[in-house]
N, C-alpha and C. Protein backbone atom coordinates (compact mmCIF):
# COMPACT_ATOMS: atom_id res chain seq x y z
N MET A 1 -57.06 -53.76 -44.73
CA MET A 1 -57.94 -52.64 -44.97
C MET A 1 -59.10 -52.71 -43.97
N PRO A 2 -59.35 -51.63 -43.24
CA PRO A 2 -60.44 -51.61 -42.27
C PRO A 2 -61.80 -51.73 -42.95
N LEU A 3 -62.73 -52.33 -42.23
CA LEU A 3 -64.09 -52.47 -42.75
C LEU A 3 -64.86 -51.16 -42.56
N SER A 4 -65.77 -50.90 -43.46
CA SER A 4 -66.65 -49.73 -43.31
C SER A 4 -67.71 -50.05 -42.27
N TRP A 5 -68.33 -48.99 -41.72
CA TRP A 5 -69.40 -49.20 -40.75
C TRP A 5 -70.57 -49.94 -41.38
N ASN A 6 -70.84 -49.69 -42.64
CA ASN A 6 -71.92 -50.40 -43.33
C ASN A 6 -71.63 -51.89 -43.42
N GLU A 7 -70.39 -52.25 -43.72
CA GLU A 7 -70.00 -53.66 -43.79
C GLU A 7 -70.11 -54.32 -42.42
N ILE A 8 -69.66 -53.63 -41.38
CA ILE A 8 -69.77 -54.17 -40.02
C ILE A 8 -71.24 -54.36 -39.65
N ARG A 9 -72.06 -53.37 -39.98
CA ARG A 9 -73.49 -53.46 -39.69
C ARG A 9 -74.13 -54.65 -40.42
N ASN A 10 -73.79 -54.84 -41.69
CA ASN A 10 -74.32 -55.96 -42.45
C ASN A 10 -73.88 -57.30 -41.87
N ARG A 11 -72.61 -57.38 -41.52
CA ARG A 11 -72.09 -58.61 -40.92
C ARG A 11 -72.74 -58.88 -39.56
N ALA A 12 -72.92 -57.84 -38.76
CA ALA A 12 -73.55 -57.98 -37.44
C ALA A 12 -74.99 -58.46 -37.58
N HIS A 13 -75.69 -57.93 -38.56
CA HIS A 13 -77.07 -58.35 -38.79
C HIS A 13 -77.12 -59.83 -39.16
N GLU A 14 -76.27 -60.25 -40.07
CA GLU A 14 -76.20 -61.64 -40.48
C GLU A 14 -75.81 -62.54 -39.30
N PHE A 15 -74.85 -62.10 -38.51
CA PHE A 15 -74.41 -62.84 -37.32
C PHE A 15 -75.58 -63.03 -36.36
N SER A 16 -76.33 -61.97 -36.09
CA SER A 16 -77.45 -62.07 -35.14
C SER A 16 -78.54 -63.00 -35.66
N ARG A 17 -78.79 -63.00 -36.96
CA ARG A 17 -79.78 -63.93 -37.52
C ARG A 17 -79.30 -65.37 -37.40
N ARG A 18 -78.02 -65.58 -37.65
CA ARG A 18 -77.45 -66.94 -37.60
C ARG A 18 -77.50 -67.52 -36.19
N TRP A 19 -77.24 -66.73 -35.18
CA TRP A 19 -77.13 -67.23 -33.81
C TRP A 19 -78.38 -67.00 -32.96
N ALA A 20 -79.43 -66.47 -33.52
CA ALA A 20 -80.64 -66.13 -32.76
C ALA A 20 -81.26 -67.32 -32.04
N ASP A 21 -81.26 -68.48 -32.65
CA ASP A 21 -81.94 -69.64 -32.08
C ASP A 21 -80.99 -70.66 -31.45
N GLU A 22 -79.73 -70.31 -31.32
CA GLU A 22 -78.76 -71.24 -30.74
C GLU A 22 -78.98 -71.40 -29.25
N THR A 23 -78.74 -72.60 -28.78
CA THR A 23 -78.79 -72.84 -27.34
C THR A 23 -77.39 -72.66 -26.79
N PRO A 24 -77.26 -72.30 -25.53
CA PRO A 24 -75.93 -72.06 -24.97
C PRO A 24 -75.18 -73.36 -24.69
N GLU A 25 -74.41 -73.79 -25.64
CA GLU A 25 -73.63 -75.01 -25.47
C GLU A 25 -72.16 -74.69 -25.66
N ARG A 26 -71.34 -75.25 -24.79
CA ARG A 26 -69.90 -74.99 -24.84
C ARG A 26 -69.29 -75.48 -26.15
N ALA A 27 -69.88 -76.49 -26.77
CA ALA A 27 -69.33 -77.02 -28.02
C ALA A 27 -69.35 -75.98 -29.13
N GLU A 28 -70.27 -75.05 -29.06
CA GLU A 28 -70.38 -74.01 -30.08
C GLU A 28 -69.66 -72.72 -29.70
N ALA A 29 -69.07 -72.68 -28.52
CA ALA A 29 -68.47 -71.43 -28.03
C ALA A 29 -67.40 -70.88 -28.97
N GLN A 30 -66.49 -71.73 -29.39
CA GLN A 30 -65.40 -71.24 -30.24
C GLN A 30 -65.93 -70.77 -31.59
N SER A 31 -66.87 -71.50 -32.17
CA SER A 31 -67.47 -71.07 -33.44
C SER A 31 -68.17 -69.73 -33.29
N PHE A 32 -68.90 -69.58 -32.18
CA PHE A 32 -69.60 -68.32 -31.92
C PHE A 32 -68.61 -67.16 -31.90
N TRP A 33 -67.53 -67.30 -31.13
CA TRP A 33 -66.57 -66.21 -31.01
C TRP A 33 -65.84 -65.95 -32.32
N GLN A 34 -65.52 -67.00 -33.08
CA GLN A 34 -64.88 -66.80 -34.38
C GLN A 34 -65.77 -65.98 -35.29
N LYS A 35 -67.05 -66.33 -35.34
CA LYS A 35 -67.98 -65.59 -36.20
C LYS A 35 -68.21 -64.17 -35.68
N PHE A 36 -68.24 -64.02 -34.35
CA PHE A 36 -68.41 -62.68 -33.77
C PHE A 36 -67.26 -61.77 -34.16
N PHE A 37 -66.01 -62.24 -33.99
CA PHE A 37 -64.86 -61.41 -34.34
C PHE A 37 -64.78 -61.16 -35.84
N ALA A 38 -65.29 -62.11 -36.65
CA ALA A 38 -65.30 -61.91 -38.10
C ALA A 38 -66.18 -60.73 -38.49
N VAL A 39 -67.20 -60.43 -37.69
CA VAL A 39 -68.05 -59.25 -37.94
C VAL A 39 -67.18 -58.01 -38.05
N PHE A 40 -66.13 -57.95 -37.25
CA PHE A 40 -65.25 -56.77 -37.21
C PHE A 40 -63.99 -56.94 -38.04
N GLY A 41 -63.93 -58.03 -38.81
CA GLY A 41 -62.79 -58.25 -39.69
C GLY A 41 -61.58 -58.86 -39.01
N ILE A 42 -61.77 -59.46 -37.84
CA ILE A 42 -60.66 -60.11 -37.13
C ILE A 42 -60.63 -61.56 -37.58
N ASP A 43 -59.50 -61.99 -38.15
CA ASP A 43 -59.42 -63.34 -38.71
C ASP A 43 -59.25 -64.42 -37.64
N ARG A 44 -59.36 -65.66 -38.08
CA ARG A 44 -59.35 -66.81 -37.19
C ARG A 44 -58.05 -66.94 -36.39
N LYS A 45 -56.93 -66.69 -37.01
CA LYS A 45 -55.65 -66.82 -36.30
C LYS A 45 -55.53 -65.78 -35.19
N ARG A 46 -55.93 -64.58 -35.47
CA ARG A 46 -55.89 -63.53 -34.44
C ARG A 46 -56.90 -63.85 -33.35
N PHE A 47 -58.07 -64.37 -33.75
CA PHE A 47 -59.07 -64.77 -32.77
C PHE A 47 -58.51 -65.82 -31.82
N ALA A 48 -57.80 -66.81 -32.36
CA ALA A 48 -57.26 -67.89 -31.52
C ALA A 48 -56.36 -67.31 -30.43
N PHE A 49 -55.56 -66.31 -30.77
CA PHE A 49 -54.70 -65.67 -29.78
C PHE A 49 -55.55 -64.95 -28.73
N LEU A 50 -56.54 -64.18 -29.16
CA LEU A 50 -57.39 -63.45 -28.22
C LEU A 50 -58.18 -64.39 -27.32
N PHE A 51 -58.69 -65.49 -27.88
CA PHE A 51 -59.45 -66.45 -27.11
C PHE A 51 -58.56 -67.14 -26.06
N ALA A 52 -57.35 -67.50 -26.45
CA ALA A 52 -56.42 -68.12 -25.51
C ALA A 52 -56.07 -67.14 -24.39
N LEU A 53 -55.88 -65.89 -24.73
CA LEU A 53 -55.58 -64.86 -23.73
C LEU A 53 -56.75 -64.70 -22.76
N TYR A 54 -57.96 -64.66 -23.30
CA TYR A 54 -59.16 -64.56 -22.46
C TYR A 54 -59.25 -65.75 -21.50
N GLN A 55 -59.06 -66.95 -22.02
CA GLN A 55 -59.15 -68.14 -21.18
C GLN A 55 -58.08 -68.12 -20.09
N ARG A 56 -56.91 -67.65 -20.42
CA ARG A 56 -55.83 -67.57 -19.43
C ARG A 56 -56.21 -66.63 -18.29
N TYR A 57 -56.67 -65.43 -18.63
CA TYR A 57 -57.04 -64.48 -17.58
C TYR A 57 -58.26 -64.93 -16.79
N ALA A 58 -59.21 -65.56 -17.46
CA ALA A 58 -60.40 -66.06 -16.76
C ALA A 58 -60.03 -67.13 -15.75
N SER A 59 -59.03 -67.94 -16.07
CA SER A 59 -58.61 -69.00 -15.16
C SER A 59 -57.92 -68.44 -13.92
N LEU A 60 -57.46 -67.20 -13.99
CA LEU A 60 -56.77 -66.59 -12.86
C LEU A 60 -57.73 -65.96 -11.85
N LEU A 61 -59.00 -65.82 -12.22
CA LEU A 61 -59.98 -65.24 -11.30
C LEU A 61 -60.16 -66.13 -10.08
N PRO A 62 -60.29 -65.54 -8.91
CA PRO A 62 -60.57 -66.35 -7.73
C PRO A 62 -61.89 -67.10 -7.88
N ALA A 63 -61.98 -68.27 -7.29
CA ALA A 63 -63.18 -69.10 -7.41
C ALA A 63 -64.43 -68.37 -6.92
N THR A 64 -64.31 -67.45 -5.99
CA THR A 64 -65.48 -66.74 -5.45
C THR A 64 -66.08 -65.78 -6.45
N THR A 65 -65.35 -65.38 -7.50
CA THR A 65 -65.88 -64.45 -8.49
C THR A 65 -66.51 -65.16 -9.66
N LYS A 66 -66.36 -66.50 -9.74
CA LYS A 66 -66.92 -67.27 -10.83
C LYS A 66 -68.24 -67.88 -10.39
N SER A 67 -69.11 -68.08 -11.34
CA SER A 67 -70.35 -68.78 -11.05
C SER A 67 -70.78 -69.56 -12.28
N LYS A 68 -71.82 -70.33 -12.13
CA LYS A 68 -72.31 -71.18 -13.21
C LYS A 68 -72.68 -70.39 -14.46
N HIS A 69 -73.22 -69.21 -14.31
CA HIS A 69 -73.70 -68.42 -15.44
C HIS A 69 -72.82 -67.20 -15.73
N GLY A 70 -71.65 -67.14 -15.17
CA GLY A 70 -70.74 -66.04 -15.45
C GLY A 70 -71.07 -64.76 -14.73
N LYS A 71 -71.98 -64.81 -13.76
CA LYS A 71 -72.33 -63.62 -13.00
C LYS A 71 -71.64 -63.67 -11.64
N ARG A 72 -71.35 -62.51 -11.11
CA ARG A 72 -70.73 -62.44 -9.80
C ARG A 72 -71.77 -62.35 -8.72
């Protein structure tokens, strides 16, 4: 069952409060993305597939397009 916009808004607000003071550490990356996708009702198993797909495509980028902070 799809989430209502009100539910997404409530989840997004809670997500932003939870992660507001986090420092950018790779150890928390997967937790961050799991919680982010949960805002939209995407479960952990589906997230794992999407995250693996993202990592696969990111690894295919030429080295010249990557940088320390993800900017080109």
